[in-house]
Amino acid sequence: MICRHCGADHGDGARYCPSTGRPVAPPAPDDEPEPEPTRMMEALPFAEAPAPEPSSAGTQAAVPRAAPAGPRDPPAAGPEAVIRDAIAMWQRHFVPFLIIAAIGLAPIAIVKAVILWILQAVVVAAAASAVAGGLAAAIAGWLAAVVSALAVAVASVLVLSLAVPLTQAATLAGLADAGRGREVSWSDAWSAALRRAGPLILTQLLVTAVVLVGSLLLVVPGVLAAFFLTFTAAVTMLENRSGVDAMRRSFDLVRADWVNVLVVVIALVVAHVVVAVLTGLVVPRTSPFLGSILGDLLLIALLPFPVIASAYAYLEARRKLDGEERRRLDAEWGRVGG
């Protein structure tokens, strides 16, 4: 009997191929469909190909087990699976994801640290002028301090509206390559992200504006806006949407699977707290430049994890909201890094 999957001859009467584990002959119409894998890393399109299994025939080279075909999708993945598999993927490809994040965020981090250093120098100079030169000198010094503070605010908006969404998009593209069993290439990942740079930046500018306005309204509306707009980068990258349309889509997806999203947001908050604590222990408060640099470097190292977890949660939300099958999402995701 010739296996229709690997082409090997297993003799008459063989029902299953010892190399692939699948039926040798086509299934009869009344046969039950083979079960789909239930592990989340096999269920999502980012999953890397399973490791080859040794051939029981002893004479054939081991080949990777093919994913069983069938009409049923794996069951939905909960928060525990989202976090567990995101950590596994992050650890497996830590170095390339670190390079992707560093390319996007390190230049902005350096600029922000320099601005903070200048701001500290201006504040010190303003205080000295107030003591030595009287009221006019004090006013001039504090005006300079205000201008420097505004520069810091502008740098923060640049980080939110430019560096972060592009870095998220590049990480998503690298994740797609990892899921197809390829090496994660920082150049390919950033090429894919830059092709969507315009829509990504436009959308994130709108998101930043909404969150800032909401934060001015007793803070809570801003927090809720940030939560429900978690998927805007993924929607812009994968679904060819932008602006208000991408924001509405993110809102619908988060509402459909808010538990997974909440876990991802909590993980991101924990990462920021860890960075703040470690930075405070190592760098004195009198050195804002060093504190800013160290804190941003730690965030660069940690950022890929919440992005990967957010990608898993995004796909689960699409399955719940749209009823899409895994195979369709696989095909769509494969276009990101291609």
Protein backbone atom coordinates (compact mmCIF):
# COMPACT_ATOMS: atom_id res chain seq x y z
CA MET A 1 0.00 0.00 0.00
CA ILE A 2 1.51 3.34 -1.07
CA CYS A 3 1.18 6.16 1.46
CA ARG A 4 -0.54 9.12 -0.14
CA HIS A 5 1.37 11.53 2.14
CA CYS A 6 5.02 10.46 2.01
CA GLY A 7 4.99 8.11 -0.99
CA ALA A 8 6.49 5.13 0.86
CA ASP A 9 5.34 1.54 0.21
CA HIS A 10 4.20 -0.10 3.48
CA GLY A 11 2.93 -3.34 2.05
CA ASP A 12 -0.58 -4.73 1.70
CA GLY A 13 -2.94 -4.30 4.60
CA ALA A 14 -1.20 -1.26 6.12
CA ARG A 15 -3.76 1.24 7.38
CA TYR A 16 -1.50 3.92 8.89
CA CYS A 17 1.87 5.29 7.78
CA PRO A 18 4.52 4.75 10.50
CA SER A 19 6.34 7.92 9.40
CA THR A 20 3.51 10.43 9.26
CA GLY A 21 0.97 8.68 11.51
CA ARG A 22 -1.83 9.36 9.03
CA PRO A 23 -4.10 6.92 7.11
CA VAL A 24 -2.38 5.37 4.09
CA ALA A 25 -5.51 5.20 1.95
CA PRO A 26 -8.05 8.01 1.50
CA PRO A 27 -10.74 7.88 4.22
CA ALA A 28 -14.05 6.34 3.39
CA PRO A 29 -17.07 8.68 3.34
CA ASP A 30 -18.37 7.30 6.64
CA ASP A 31 -15.01 7.49 8.46
CA GLU A 32 -14.78 9.83 11.44
CA PRO A 33 -12.53 12.87 10.88
CA GLU A 34 -9.18 12.77 12.59
CA PRO A 35 -9.01 14.91 15.75
CA GLU A 36 -7.32 18.28 15.55
CA PRO A 37 -4.39 19.05 17.88
CA THR A 38 -5.42 20.64 21.14
CA ARG A 39 -2.21 22.35 22.21
CA MET A 40 -2.34 26.06 21.63
CA MET A 41 1.05 26.27 19.96
CA GLU A 42 -0.21 23.80 17.34
CA ALA A 43 -3.55 25.53 17.08
CA LEU A 44 -2.33 29.02 16.20
CA PRO A 45 -0.57 30.09 13.02
CA PHE A 46 2.56 31.17 14.88
CA ALA A 47 3.21 27.59 15.99
CA GLU A 48 6.50 26.21 14.85
CA ALA A 49 6.56 22.89 13.06
CA PRO A 50 6.57 19.92 15.46
CA ALA A 51 9.81 18.06 15.96
CA PRO A 52 10.41 15.03 13.68
CA GLU A 53 9.50 11.66 15.18
CA PRO A 54 11.62 8.56 14.59
CA SER A 55 10.33 6.14 11.97
CA SER A 56 9.08 2.86 13.36
CA ALA A 57 10.08 1.12 10.11
CA GLY A 58 13.73 1.72 10.94
CA THR A 59 14.77 2.15 7.30
CA GLN A 60 13.23 5.50 6.45
CA ALA A 61 14.33 8.94 7.51
CA ALA A 62 12.14 10.59 10.10
CA VAL A 63 9.81 13.25 8.72
CA PRO A 64 7.78 15.86 10.59
CA ARG A 65 4.29 14.80 11.52
CA ALA A 66 1.80 16.67 9.36
CA ALA A 67 -1.10 18.44 11.05
CA PRO A 68 -4.23 16.29 10.66
CA ALA A 69 -6.82 17.68 8.29
CA GLY A 70 -10.40 17.86 9.40
CA PRO A 71 -13.38 20.12 9.67
CA ARG A 72 -13.01 20.86 13.37
CA ASP A 73 -10.84 23.59 14.82
CA PRO A 74 -9.02 23.15 18.16
CA PRO A 75 -10.78 24.43 21.26
CA ALA A 76 -10.30 28.06 22.29
CA ALA A 77 -7.17 28.86 24.27
CA GLY A 78 -7.54 30.49 27.67
CA PRO A 79 -5.31 33.06 29.39
CA GLU A 80 -2.97 30.45 30.84
CA ALA A 81 -2.24 29.01 27.38
CA VAL A 82 -1.80 32.47 25.89
CA ILE A 83 0.82 33.44 28.48
CA ARG A 84 2.56 30.05 28.52
CA ASP A 85 2.97 29.85 24.78
CA ALA A 86 3.96 33.50 24.46
CA ILE A 87 6.76 32.96 26.99
CA ALA A 88 7.92 29.85 25.13
CA MET A 89 8.05 31.65 21.78
CA TRP A 90 9.76 34.70 23.32
CA GLN A 91 12.44 32.57 24.97
CA ARG A 92 13.02 30.48 21.84
CA HIS A 93 13.69 33.54 19.67
CA PHE A 94 14.86 36.00 22.31
CA VAL A 95 17.87 37.42 20.43
CA PRO A 96 16.19 38.25 17.09
CA PHE A 97 13.15 39.72 18.87
CA LEU A 98 15.51 41.78 21.04
CA ILE A 99 17.24 43.14 17.92
CA ILE A 100 13.88 44.01 16.34
CA ALA A 101 12.82 45.91 19.46
CA ALA A 102 16.18 47.66 19.83
CA ILE A 103 16.11 48.96 16.25
CA GLY A 104 12.75 50.60 16.84
CA LEU A 105 13.09 51.86 20.40
CA ALA A 106 16.77 52.42 21.20
CA PRO A 107 17.17 55.67 19.19
CA ILE A 108 14.04 57.17 20.75
CA ALA A 109 15.19 56.05 24.20
CA ILE A 110 18.53 57.83 23.76
CA VAL A 111 16.84 61.04 22.59
CA LYS A 112 14.44 60.95 25.54
CA ALA A 113 17.29 60.42 28.00
CA VAL A 114 19.22 63.37 26.55
CA ILE A 115 16.14 65.60 26.84
CA LEU A 116 15.71 64.57 30.48
CA TRP A 117 19.35 65.38 31.16
CA ILE A 118 18.93 68.83 29.56
CA LEU A 119 15.74 69.38 31.55
CA GLN A 120 17.53 68.63 34.80
CA ALA A 121 20.33 71.04 33.89
CA VAL A 122 17.83 73.79 33.03
CA VAL A 123 15.93 73.33 36.30
CA VAL A 124 19.15 73.53 38.30
CA ALA A 125 20.18 76.65 36.37
CA ALA A 126 16.75 78.23 36.92
CA ALA A 127 16.99 77.66 40.66
CA ALA A 128 20.45 79.20 40.75
CA SER A 129 19.25 82.21 38.75
CA ALA A 130 16.37 82.75 41.14
CA VAL A 131 18.80 82.97 44.03
CA ALA A 132 21.39 85.16 42.31
CA GLY A 133 19.51 87.29 39.80
CA GLY A 134 16.13 88.08 41.24
CA LEU A 135 12.64 87.72 39.86
CA ALA A 136 13.31 88.32 36.15
CA ALA A 137 16.06 85.74 35.99
CA ALA A 138 13.91 83.26 37.90
CA ILE A 139 11.01 83.71 35.46
CA ALA A 140 13.30 83.22 32.47
CA GLY A 141 14.78 80.11 34.01
CA TRP A 142 11.45 78.54 34.79
CA LEU A 143 10.16 79.31 31.30
CA ALA A 144 13.15 77.42 29.95
CA ALA A 145 12.25 74.55 32.26
CA VAL A 146 8.68 74.52 30.93
CA VAL A 147 9.95 74.42 27.34
CA SER A 148 12.18 71.49 28.21
CA ALA A 149 9.28 69.69 29.85
CA LEU A 150 7.23 70.17 26.69
CA ALA A 151 10.11 68.67 24.71
CA VAL A 152 9.96 65.60 26.94
CA ALA A 153 6.22 65.37 26.30
CA VAL A 154 6.78 65.57 22.53
CA ALA A 155 9.40 62.82 22.77
CA SER A 156 6.92 60.65 24.66
CA VAL A 157 4.29 61.17 21.96
CA LEU A 158 6.86 60.17 19.34
CA VAL A 159 7.51 56.97 21.25
CA LEU A 160 3.79 56.18 21.45
CA SER A 161 2.88 57.24 17.92
CA LEU A 162 5.93 56.20 15.93
CA ALA A 163 8.38 53.83 17.55
CA VAL A 164 6.01 51.57 19.48
CA PRO A 165 3.52 50.68 16.70
CA LEU A 166 6.29 50.12 14.16
CA THR A 167 8.17 47.92 16.62
CA GLN A 168 4.99 45.99 17.36
CA ALA A 169 4.38 45.48 13.65
CA ALA A 170 7.96 44.29 13.05
CA THR A 171 7.66 41.89 15.98
CA LEU A 172 4.42 40.51 14.53
CA ALA A 173 6.11 39.96 11.17
CA GLY A 174 9.00 38.15 12.85
CA LEU A 175 6.52 36.07 14.78
CA ALA A 176 4.85 35.04 11.53
CA ASP A 177 8.21 33.85 10.18
CA ALA A 178 8.84 31.87 13.38
CA GLY A 179 5.41 30.26 13.03
CA ARG A 180 6.23 29.11 9.51
CA GLY A 181 9.44 27.48 10.71
CA ARG A 182 11.74 30.17 9.26
CA GLU A 183 14.57 32.00 10.92
CA VAL A 184 13.42 35.28 12.44
CA SER A 185 15.14 37.99 10.38
CA TRP A 186 15.15 41.53 11.75
CA SER A 187 15.58 43.00 8.26
CA ASP A 188 12.62 41.09 6.80
CA ALA A 189 10.51 41.91 9.85
CA TRP A 190 11.21 45.62 9.60
CA SER A 191 10.65 45.61 5.84
CA ALA A 192 7.19 44.16 6.41
CA ALA A 193 6.43 46.75 9.11
CA LEU A 194 7.63 49.71 7.05
CA ARG A 195 5.33 48.72 4.21
CA ARG A 196 2.45 49.56 6.57
CA ALA A 197 4.16 52.48 8.28
CA GLY A 198 1.71 55.15 7.11
CA PRO A 199 -1.50 53.46 8.33
CA LEU A 200 0.22 52.34 11.54
CA ILE A 201 1.39 55.83 12.47
CA LEU A 202 -1.93 57.45 11.53
CA THR A 203 -3.89 54.96 13.60
CA GLN A 204 -1.60 55.25 16.61
CA LEU A 205 -1.79 59.04 16.53
CA LEU A 206 -5.58 58.78 16.80
CA VAL A 207 -5.26 56.19 19.58
CA THR A 208 -2.85 58.43 21.49
CA ALA A 209 -5.19 61.40 21.16
CA VAL A 210 -8.18 59.41 22.40
CA VAL A 211 -6.25 58.00 25.36
CA LEU A 212 -4.87 61.42 26.32
CA VAL A 213 -8.30 63.07 26.17
CA GLY A 214 -9.79 60.20 28.16
CA SER A 215 -7.03 60.51 30.75
CA LEU A 216 -7.91 64.16 31.27
CA LEU A 217 -11.49 63.09 32.03
CA LEU A 218 -10.85 61.57 35.46
CA VAL A 219 -8.28 59.04 34.12
CA VAL A 220 -10.69 56.08 33.94
CA PRO A 221 -11.94 56.81 30.39
CA GLY A 222 -8.34 56.93 29.20
CA VAL A 223 -7.56 53.57 30.79
CA LEU A 224 -10.65 52.00 29.20
CA ALA A 225 -9.77 53.50 25.82
CA ALA A 226 -6.24 52.07 25.98
CA PHE A 227 -7.66 48.67 26.94
CA PHE A 228 -10.20 48.44 24.12
CA LEU A 229 -7.71 49.73 21.54
CA THR A 230 -5.13 47.06 22.34
CA PHE A 231 -5.46 45.35 18.96
CA THR A 232 -5.15 48.39 16.70
CA ALA A 233 -1.60 47.53 15.56
CA ALA A 234 -2.53 43.92 14.78
CA VAL A 235 -5.70 45.00 12.96
CA THR A 236 -3.77 47.53 10.90
CA MET A 237 -1.05 45.03 10.06
CA LEU A 238 -3.26 42.03 9.28
CA GLU A 239 -6.61 43.32 8.12
CA ASN A 240 -5.58 46.28 5.95
CA ARG A 241 -7.57 48.72 8.10
CA SER A 242 -6.52 52.03 9.56
CA GLY A 243 -7.75 55.04 11.50
CA VAL A 244 -11.19 54.96 13.07
CA ASP A 245 -12.07 51.73 11.27
CA ALA A 246 -9.15 49.90 12.91
CA MET A 247 -10.11 51.38 16.29
CA ARG A 248 -13.71 50.17 15.98
CA ARG A 249 -12.48 46.74 14.95
CA SER A 250 -10.14 46.57 17.97
CA PHE A 251 -13.02 47.53 20.26
CA ASP A 252 -15.20 44.71 18.89
CA LEU A 253 -12.41 42.14 19.16
CA VAL A 254 -11.49 43.07 22.74
CA ARG A 255 -15.14 42.97 23.77
CA ALA A 256 -15.45 39.46 22.29
CA ASP A 257 -12.49 38.08 24.30
CA TRP A 258 -11.72 40.60 27.03
CA VAL A 259 -10.38 38.05 29.53
CA ASN A 260 -7.35 37.14 27.41
CA VAL A 261 -6.73 40.81 26.67
CA LEU A 262 -6.91 41.69 30.36
CA VAL A 263 -4.26 39.08 31.13
CA VAL A 264 -1.99 40.51 28.42
CA VAL A 265 -2.45 44.06 29.76
CA ILE A 266 -1.69 42.89 33.30
CA ALA A 267 1.48 41.21 32.03
CA LEU A 268 2.54 44.48 30.39
CA VAL A 269 1.85 46.45 33.58
CA VAL A 270 3.86 43.93 35.60
CA ALA A 271 6.75 44.33 33.14
CA HIS A 272 6.69 48.11 33.61
CA VAL A 273 6.60 47.73 37.41
CA VAL A 274 9.55 45.32 37.34
CA VAL A 275 11.51 47.75 35.17
CA ALA A 276 10.73 50.69 37.49
CA VAL A 277 11.73 48.73 40.60
CA LEU A 278 14.98 47.44 39.10
CA THR A 279 15.88 50.87 37.78
CA GLY A 280 15.20 52.48 41.16
CA LEU A 281 17.41 49.93 42.91
CA VAL A 282 20.35 50.42 40.56
CA VAL A 283 20.25 54.11 39.58
CA PRO A 284 19.92 56.99 42.07
CA ARG A 285 17.16 59.54 41.52
CA THR A 286 19.73 62.26 40.97
CA SER A 287 20.75 60.60 37.66
CA PRO A 288 17.66 60.80 35.42
CA PHE A 289 19.75 60.24 32.29
CA LEU A 290 21.09 56.89 33.46
CA GLY A 291 17.73 55.92 34.92
CA SER A 292 15.96 56.64 31.65
CA ILE A 293 18.51 54.70 29.59
CA LEU A 294 18.48 51.66 31.88
CA GLY A 295 14.69 51.61 32.15
CA ASP A 296 14.24 51.81 28.38
CA LEU A 297 16.82 49.07 27.78
CA LEU A 298 14.93 46.76 30.15
CA LEU A 299 11.64 47.59 28.42
CA ILE A 300 13.21 46.83 25.04
CA ALA A 301 14.17 43.38 26.30
CA LEU A 302 10.69 42.72 27.72
CA LEU A 303 8.53 44.29 24.99
CA PRO A 304 8.39 41.28 22.61
CA PHE A 305 6.64 39.17 25.25
CA PRO A 306 3.45 41.26 25.58
CA VAL A 307 3.40 41.77 21.78
CA ILE A 308 3.50 38.00 21.22
CA ALA A 309 0.87 37.41 23.89
CA SER A 310 -1.29 40.11 22.33
CA ALA A 311 -0.98 38.41 18.95
CA TYR A 312 -2.20 35.10 20.39
CA ALA A 313 -5.09 36.86 22.11
CA TYR A 314 -5.93 38.72 18.89
CA LEU A 315 -6.32 35.51 16.91
CA GLU A 316 -8.42 33.90 19.63
CA ALA A 317 -10.68 36.98 19.58
CA ARG A 318 -11.08 36.69 15.82
CA ARG A 319 -12.06 33.07 16.14
CA LYS A 320 -14.67 33.94 18.74
CA LEU A 321 -16.03 37.06 17.05
CA ASP A 322 -15.93 36.02 13.38
CA GLY A 323 -16.06 32.24 13.67
CA GLU A 324 -13.03 31.98 11.41
CA GLU A 325 -11.22 28.68 11.13
CA ARG A 326 -7.59 28.29 11.97
CA ARG A 327 -6.61 27.43 8.38
CA ARG A 328 -8.01 30.70 7.07
CA LEU A 329 -6.12 32.68 9.70
CA ASP A 330 -2.97 30.72 8.82
CA ALA A 331 -3.18 31.85 5.21
CA GLU A 332 -3.85 35.46 6.14
CA TRP A 333 -1.01 35.57 8.66
CA GLY A 334 1.39 34.10 6.12
CA ARG A 335 1.13 37.27 4.01
CA VAL A 336 2.55 39.51 6.75
CA GLY A 337 6.21 38.62 6.51
CA GLY A 338 6.12 37.57 2.86
